[in-house]
C-alpha atoms as a PDB file:
ATOM      1  CA  UNK A   1      -7.455  75.850  52.000  1.00  0.00           C
ATOM      2  CA  UNK A   2     -10.737  75.383  50.183  1.00  0.00           C
ATOM      3  CA  UNK A   3     -11.602  73.840  46.826  1.00  0.00           C
ATOM      4  CA  UNK A   4     -11.499  77.233  45.125  1.00  0.00           C
ATOM      5  CA  UNK A   5      -7.754  77.375  45.724  1.00  0.00           C
ATOM      6  CA  UNK A   6      -7.233  74.103  43.821  1.00  0.00           C
ATOM      7  CA  UNK A   7      -5.592  74.250  40.390  1.00  0.00           C
ATOM      8  CA  UNK A   8      -7.913  73.152  37.560  1.00  0.00           C
ATOM      9  CA  UNK A   9      -5.260  70.563  36.413  1.00  0.00           C
ATOM     10  CA  UNK A  10      -5.255  68.993  39.813  1.00  0.00           C
ATOM     11  CA  UNK A  11      -2.352  70.753  41.575  1.00  0.00           C
ATOM     12  CA  UNK A  12      -2.981  72.524  44.861  1.00  0.00           C
ATOM     13  CA  UNK A  13      -2.023  76.214  45.113  1.00  0.00           C
ATOM     14  CA  UNK A  14      -1.138  78.025  48.276  1.00  0.00           C
ATOM     15  CA  UNK A  15      -2.930  81.177  49.378  1.00  0.00           C
ATOM     16  CA  UNK A  16      -2.404  83.937  46.836  1.00  0.00           C
ATOM     17  CA  UNK A  17      -0.112  86.668  47.922  1.00  0.00           C
ATOM     18  CA  UNK A  18      -0.510  90.290  47.037  1.00  0.00           C
ATOM     19  CA  UNK A  19       1.567  89.897  43.870  1.00  0.00           C
ATOM     20  CA  UNK A  20      -0.526  86.882  42.744  1.00  0.00           C
ATOM     21  CA  UNK A  21      -3.882  88.611  42.884  1.00  0.00           C
ATOM     22  CA  UNK A  22      -5.949  89.630  39.914  1.00  0.00           C
ATOM     23  CA  UNK A  23      -4.787  89.153  36.345  1.00  0.00           C
ATOM     24  CA  UNK A  24      -1.216  88.270  37.257  1.00  0.00           C
ATOM     25  CA  UNK A  25      -2.318  85.251  39.229  1.00  0.00           C
ATOM     26  CA  UNK A  26      -4.734  84.167  36.506  1.00  0.00           C
ATOM     27  CA  UNK A  27      -2.029  84.376  33.806  1.00  0.00           C
ATOM     28  CA  UNK A  28       0.373  82.299  35.858  1.00  0.00           C
ATOM     29  CA  UNK A  29      -2.285  79.667  36.346  1.00  0.00           C
ATOM     30  CA  UNK A  30      -3.017  79.517  32.586  1.00  0.00           C
ATOM     31  CA  UNK A  31       0.704  79.416  31.731  1.00  0.00           C
ATOM     32  CA  UNK A  32       1.262  76.621  34.259  1.00  0.00           C
ATOM     33  CA  UNK A  33      -1.723  74.717  32.903  1.00  0.00           C
ATOM     34  CA  UNK A  34      -0.532  75.141  29.292  1.00  0.00           C
ATOM     35  CA  UNK A  35       2.994  74.004  30.083  1.00  0.00           C
ATOM     36  CA  UNK A  36       1.617  71.005  31.893  1.00  0.00           C
ATOM     37  CA  UNK A  37      -0.759  70.223  28.967  1.00  0.00           C
ATOM     38  CA  UNK A  38       2.054  70.466  26.416  1.00  0.00           C
ATOM     39  CA  UNK A  39       4.178  68.030  28.434  1.00  0.00           C
ATOM     40  CA  UNK A  40       1.286  65.597  28.528  1.00  0.00           C
ATOM     41  CA  UNK A  41       0.737  65.865  24.784  1.00  0.00           C
ATOM     42  CA  UNK A  42       4.373  65.093  24.000  1.00  0.00           C
ATOM     43  CA  UNK A  43       4.099  62.030  26.240  1.00  0.00           C
ATOM     44  CA  UNK A  44       0.826  61.196  24.530  1.00  0.00           C
ATOM     45  CA  UNK A  45       2.473  61.487  21.130  1.00  0.00           C
ATOM     46  CA  UNK A  46       5.239  59.113  22.180  1.00  0.00           C
ATOM     47  CA  UNK A  47       2.664  56.763  23.569  1.00  0.00           C
ATOM     48  CA  UNK A  48       0.631  57.094  20.368  1.00  0.00           C
ATOM     49  CA  UNK A  49       3.685  56.216  18.288  1.00  0.00           C
ATOM     50  CA  UNK A  50       4.424  53.292  20.569  1.00  0.00           C
ATOM     51  CA  UNK A  51       0.788  52.189  20.429  1.00  0.00           C
ATOM     52  CA  UNK A  52       0.822  52.444  16.626  1.00  0.00           C
ATOM     53  CA  UNK A  53       3.980  50.328  16.503  1.00  0.00           C
ATOM     54  CA  UNK A  54       2.433  47.844  18.878  1.00  0.00           C
ATOM     55  CA  UNK A  55      -0.768  47.813  16.789  1.00  0.00           C
ATOM     56  CA  UNK A  56       1.290  47.173  13.639  1.00  0.00           C
ATOM     57  CA  UNK A  57       3.199  44.391  15.409  1.00  0.00           C
ATOM     58  CA  UNK A  58      -0.078  42.893  16.625  1.00  0.00           C
ATOM     59  CA  UNK A  59      -1.510  43.137  13.100  1.00  0.00           C
ATOM     60  CA  UNK A  60       1.618  41.432  11.679  1.00  0.00           C
ATOM     61  CA  UNK A  61       1.351  38.732  14.312  1.00  0.00           C
ATOM     62  CA  UNK A  62      -2.348  38.284  13.505  1.00  0.00           C
ATOM     63  CA  UNK A  63      -1.536  37.985   9.783  1.00  0.00           C
ATOM     64  CA  UNK A  64       1.184  35.454  10.551  1.00  0.00           C
ATOM     65  CA  UNK A  65      -1.228  33.519  12.749  1.00  0.00           C
ATOM     66  CA  UNK A  66      -3.840  33.537   9.963  1.00  0.00           C
ATOM     67  CA  UNK A  67      -1.274  32.309   7.425  1.00  0.00           C
ATOM     68  CA  UNK A  68      -0.095  29.634   9.906  1.00  0.00           C
ATOM     69  CA  UNK A  69      -3.708  28.602  10.444  1.00  0.00           C
ATOM     70  CA  UNK A  70      -4.201  28.339   6.659  1.00  0.00           C
ATOM     71  CA  UNK A  71      -1.039  26.228   6.362  1.00  0.00           C
ATOM     72  CA  UNK A  72      -2.188  24.005   9.225  1.00  0.00           C
ATOM     73  CA  UNK A  73      -5.631  23.618   7.597  1.00  0.00           C
ATOM     74  CA  UNK A  74      -4.022  22.724   4.251  1.00  0.00           C
ATOM     75  CA  UNK A  75      -1.742  20.197   5.947  1.00  0.00           C
ATOM     76  CA  UNK A  76      -4.699  18.732   7.813  1.00  0.00           C
ATOM     77  CA  UNK A  77      -6.582  18.356   4.518  1.00  0.00           C
ATOM     78  CA  UNK A  78      -3.538  16.734   2.906  1.00  0.00           C
ATOM     79  CA  UNK A  79      -3.226  14.391   5.902  1.00  0.00           C
ATOM     80  CA  UNK A  80      -6.921  13.524   5.622  1.00  0.00           C
ATOM     81  CA  UNK A  81      -6.503  12.764   1.898  1.00  0.00           C
ATOM     82  CA  UNK A  82      -3.418  10.657   2.607  1.00  0.00           C
ATOM     83  CA  UNK A  83      -5.283   8.813   5.373  1.00  0.00           C
ATOM     84  CA  UNK A  84      -8.184   8.148   3.007  1.00  0.00           C
ATOM     85  CA  UNK A  85      -5.761   6.847   0.351  1.00  0.00           C
ATOM     86  CA  UNK A  86      -4.030   4.658   2.936  1.00  0.00           C
ATOM     87  CA  UNK A  87      -7.370   3.270   4.108  1.00  0.00           C
ATOM     88  CA  UNK A  88      -8.438   2.595   0.495  1.00  0.00           C
ATOM     89  CA  UNK A  89      -5.105   0.866  -0.205  1.00  0.00           C
ATOM     90  CA  UNK A  90      -5.449  -1.200   2.958  1.00  0.00           C
ATOM     91  CA  UNK A  91      -8.961  -2.255   1.939  1.00  0.00           C
ATOM     92  CA  UNK A  92      -7.705  -3.204  -1.555  1.00  0.00           C
ATOM     93  CA  UNK A  93      -4.790  -5.106  -0.032  1.00  0.00           C
ATOM     94  CA  UNK A  94      -7.144  -6.951   2.308  1.00  0.00           C
ATOM     95  CA  UNK A  95      -9.447  -7.870  -0.594  1.00  0.00           C
ATOM     96  CA  UNK A  96      -6.480  -9.113  -2.656  1.00  0.00           C
ATOM     97  CA  UNK A  97      -5.077 -11.110   0.262  1.00  0.00           C
ATOM     98  CA  UNK A  98      -8.497 -12.659   0.915  1.00  0.00           C
ATOM     99  CA  UNK A  99      -8.800 -13.580  -2.780  1.00  0.00           C
ATOM    100  CA  UNK A 100      -5.301 -15.037  -2.750  1.00  0.00           C
ATOM    101  CA  UNK A 101      -6.063 -16.958   0.419  1.00  0.00           C
ATOM    102  CA  UNK A 102      -9.274 -18.295  -1.130  1.00  0.00           C
ATOM    103  CA  UNK A 103      -7.384 -19.266  -4.282  1.00  0.00           C
ATOM    104  CA  UNK A 104      -4.813 -21.105  -2.181  1.00  0.00           C
ATOM    105  CA  UNK A 105      -7.592 -22.938  -0.378  1.00  0.00           C
ATOM    106  CA  UNK A 106      -9.247 -23.763  -3.716  1.00  0.00           C
ATOM    107  CA  UNK A 107      -5.908 -24.934  -5.130  1.00  0.00           C
ATOM    108  CA  UNK A 108      -5.388 -27.134  -2.078  1.00  0.00           C
ATOM    109  CA  UNK A 109      -8.841 -28.617  -2.524  1.00  0.00           C
ATOM    110  CA  UNK A 110      -8.187 -29.160  -6.245  1.00  0.00           C
ATOM    111  CA  UNK A 111      -4.854 -30.819  -5.496  1.00  0.00           C
ATOM    112  CA  UNK A 112      -6.515 -33.154  -3.012  1.00  0.00           C
ATOM    113  CA  UNK A 113      -9.237 -33.949  -5.527  1.00  0.00           C
ATOM    114  CA  UNK A 114      -6.580 -34.507  -8.199  1.00  0.00           C
ATOM    115  CA  UNK A 115      -4.692 -36.946  -5.955  1.00  0.00           C
ATOM    116  CA  UNK A 116      -7.920 -38.777  -5.127  1.00  0.00           C
ATOM    117  CA  UNK A 117      -8.826 -38.974  -8.816  1.00  0.00           C
ATOM    118  CA  UNK A 118      -5.380 -40.364  -9.655  1.00  0.00           C
ATOM    119  CA  UNK A 119      -5.780 -42.996  -6.960  1.00  0.00           C
ATOM    120  CA  UNK A 120      -9.195 -43.919  -8.343  1.00  0.00           C
ATOM    121  CA  UNK A 121      -7.797 -44.121 -11.898  1.00  0.00           C
ATOM    122  CA  UNK A 122      -4.988 -46.387 -10.723  1.00  0.00           C
ATOM    123  CA  UNK A 123      -7.516 -48.565  -8.919  1.00  0.00           C
ATOM    124  CA  UNK A 124      -9.670 -48.745 -12.012  1.00  0.00           C
ATOM    125  CA  UNK A 125      -6.667 -49.671 -14.166  1.00  0.00           C
ATOM    126  CA  UNK A 126      -5.727 -52.409 -11.726  1.00  0.00           C
ATOM    127  CA  UNK A 127      -9.319 -53.646 -11.670  1.00  0.00           C
ATOM    128  CA  UNK A 128      -9.409 -53.692 -15.463  1.00  0.00           C
ATOM    129  CA  UNK A 129      -6.155 -55.639 -15.661  1.00  0.00           C
ATOM    130  CA  UNK A 130      -7.484 -58.111 -13.080  1.00  0.00           C
ATOM    131  CA  UNK A 131     -10.697 -58.541 -14.995  1.00  0.00           C
ATOM    132  CA  UNK A 132      -8.733 -59.078 -18.209  1.00  0.00           C
ATOM    133  CA  UNK A 133      -6.589 -61.726 -16.528  1.00  0.00           C
ATOM    134  CA  UNK A 134      -9.566 -63.426 -14.966  1.00  0.00           C
ATOM    135  CA  UNK A 135     -11.553 -63.369 -18.130  1.00  0.00           C
ATOM    136  CA  UNK A 136     -10.237 -66.365 -20.036  1.00  0.00           C
ATOM    137  CA  UNK A 137     -13.021 -66.652 -22.521  1.00  0.00           C
ATOM    138  CA  UNK A 138     -11.861 -66.083 -26.071  1.00  0.00           C
ATOM    139  CA  UNK A 139     -13.139 -62.727 -27.255  1.00  0.00           C
ATOM    140  CA  UNK A 140     -13.199 -61.458 -30.754  1.00  0.00           C
ATOM    141  CA  UNK A 141      -9.847 -59.891 -31.220  1.00  0.00           C
ATOM    142  CA  UNK A 142      -9.759 -56.591 -32.978  1.00  0.00           C
ATOM    143  CA  UNK A 143      -6.949 -55.546 -35.294  1.00  0.00           C
ATOM    144  CA  UNK A 144      -5.523 -53.313 -32.566  1.00  0.00           C
ATOM    145  CA  UNK A 145      -5.429 -56.169 -30.097  1.00  0.00           C
ATOM    146  CA  UNK A 146      -3.740 -58.393 -32.679  1.00  0.00           C
ATOM    147  CA  UNK A 147      -1.152 -55.672 -33.339  1.00  0.00           C
ATOM    148  CA  UNK A 148      -0.452 -55.263 -29.616  1.00  0.00           C
ATOM    149  CA  UNK A 149      -0.107 -59.010 -29.122  1.00  0.00           C
ATOM    150  CA  UNK A 150       2.262 -59.298 -32.072  1.00  0.00           C
ATOM    151  CA  UNK A 151       4.384 -56.447 -30.659  1.00  0.00           C
ATOM    152  CA  UNK A 152       4.575 -58.184 -27.292  1.00  0.00           C
ATOM    153  CA  UNK A 153       5.577 -61.475 -28.948  1.00  0.00           C
ATOM    154  CA  UNK A 154       8.261 -59.726 -30.993  1.00  0.00           C
ATOM    155  CA  UNK A 155       9.577 -58.051 -27.827  1.00  0.00           C
ATOM    156  CA  UNK A 156       9.714 -61.373 -26.017  1.00  0.00           C
ATOM    157  CA  UNK A 157      11.454 -63.071 -28.933  1.00  0.00           C
ATOM    158  CA  UNK A 158      14.223 -60.464 -28.887  1.00  0.00           C
ATOM    159  CA  UNK A 159      14.707 -60.775 -25.154  1.00  0.00           C
ATOM    160  CA  UNK A 160      15.502 -63.785 -23.050  1.00  0.00           C
ATOM    161  CA  UNK A 161      12.701 -65.404 -21.146  1.00  0.00           C
ATOM    162  CA  UNK A 162      14.806 -65.109 -18.009  1.00  0.00           C
ATOM    163  CA  UNK A 163      14.425 -61.306 -18.051  1.00  0.00           C
ATOM    164  CA  UNK A 164      10.657 -61.437 -18.544  1.00  0.00           C
ATOM    165  CA  UNK A 165       9.232 -64.635 -17.099  1.00  0.00           C
ATOM    166  CA  UNK A 166       5.747 -63.136 -17.208  1.00  0.00           C
ATOM    167  CA  UNK A 167       4.055 -61.206 -19.984  1.00  0.00           C
ATOM    168  CA  UNK A 168       5.597 -57.689 -20.240  1.00  0.00           C
ATOM    169  CA  UNK A 169       3.489 -54.591 -19.922  1.00  0.00           C
ATOM    170  CA  UNK A 170       2.559 -52.570 -22.977  1.00  0.00           C
ATOM    171  CA  UNK A 171       4.497 -49.586 -21.591  1.00  0.00           C
ATOM    172  CA  UNK A 172       7.772 -51.560 -21.638  1.00  0.00           C
ATOM    173  CA  UNK A 173       7.140 -52.807 -25.153  1.00  0.00           C
ATOM    174  CA  UNK A 174       6.376 -49.317 -26.413  1.00  0.00           C
ATOM    175  CA  UNK A 175       9.566 -47.926 -24.835  1.00  0.00           C
ATOM    176  CA  UNK A 176      11.629 -50.672 -26.452  1.00  0.00           C
ATOM    177  CA  UNK A 177      10.030 -50.047 -29.864  1.00  0.00           C
ATOM    178  CA  UNK A 178      10.703 -46.283 -29.657  1.00  0.00           C
ATOM    179  CA  UNK A 179      14.348 -46.982 -28.825  1.00  0.00           C
ATOM    180  CA  UNK A 180      14.731 -49.289 -31.832  1.00  0.00           C
ATOM    181  CA  UNK A 181      13.128 -46.747 -34.175  1.00  0.00           C
ATOM    182  CA  UNK A 182      15.336 -43.896 -32.890  1.00  0.00           C
ATOM    183  CA  UNK A 183      18.470 -46.031 -33.283  1.00  0.00           C
ATOM    184  CA  UNK A 184      17.386 -46.948 -36.798  1.00  0.00           C
ATOM    185  CA  UNK A 185      16.855 -43.253 -37.639  1.00  0.00           C
ATOM    186  CA  UNK A 186      20.392 -42.410 -36.390  1.00  0.00           C
ATOM    187  CA  UNK A 187      21.928 -45.210 -38.468  1.00  0.00           C
ATOM    188  CA  UNK A 188      20.009 -44.081 -41.546  1.00  0.00           C
ATOM    189  CA  UNK A 189      21.303 -40.512 -41.149  1.00  0.00           C
ATOM    190  CA  UNK A 190      24.870 -41.769 -40.831  1.00  0.00           C
ATOM    191  CA  UNK A 191      24.436 -43.876 -43.941  1.00  0.00           C
ATOM    192  CA  UNK A 192      23.121 -40.887 -45.884  1.00  0.00           C
ATOM    193  CA  UNK A 193      26.062 -38.765 -44.754  1.00  0.00           C
ATOM    194  CA  UNK A 194      28.544 -41.451 -45.840  1.00  0.00           C
ATOM    195  CA  UNK A 195      27.037 -41.678 -49.338  1.00  0.00           C
ATOM    196  CA  UNK A 196      27.368 -37.949 -49.840  1.00  0.00           C
END
């Protein structure tokens, strides 16, 4: 068998017999080739339909992937914005806490200074009272001093000397005087109510 005996579609033919010579043989070859070609085309059409379906599916999948990618990008942007807001809030919180901490420190310092100042004032008051006691020279008495002395004498005359062997403080005298005035005011109101 030589290459001339080969079918153009790729099939191998046997040696032509007497009935297959001439036009008859040629027609059979063409008919065989056409039938074979038609079978291939129907397969090709099925494959084309399948390929089209697959292409559509791939296109749908690509579209879905693109939309998913867009959603992911949007979420990433939202996350970035939220992170930025969180960082800004954290910075603000840190600034506020630092200010508060500084204020607490300043308040502590002020409280210490206040306590020290009170101690110094008490010391000064004690020193003044000592100086007044030590200073026995007669000074010119002002009207205020005379008034205070007369109040103290009145207080001492109303109370026994046993209760106050030494000179009472002005604070005690003032408290006593306020009490007397308030009691007097109560009695006066009662009197007014009785007369009505």
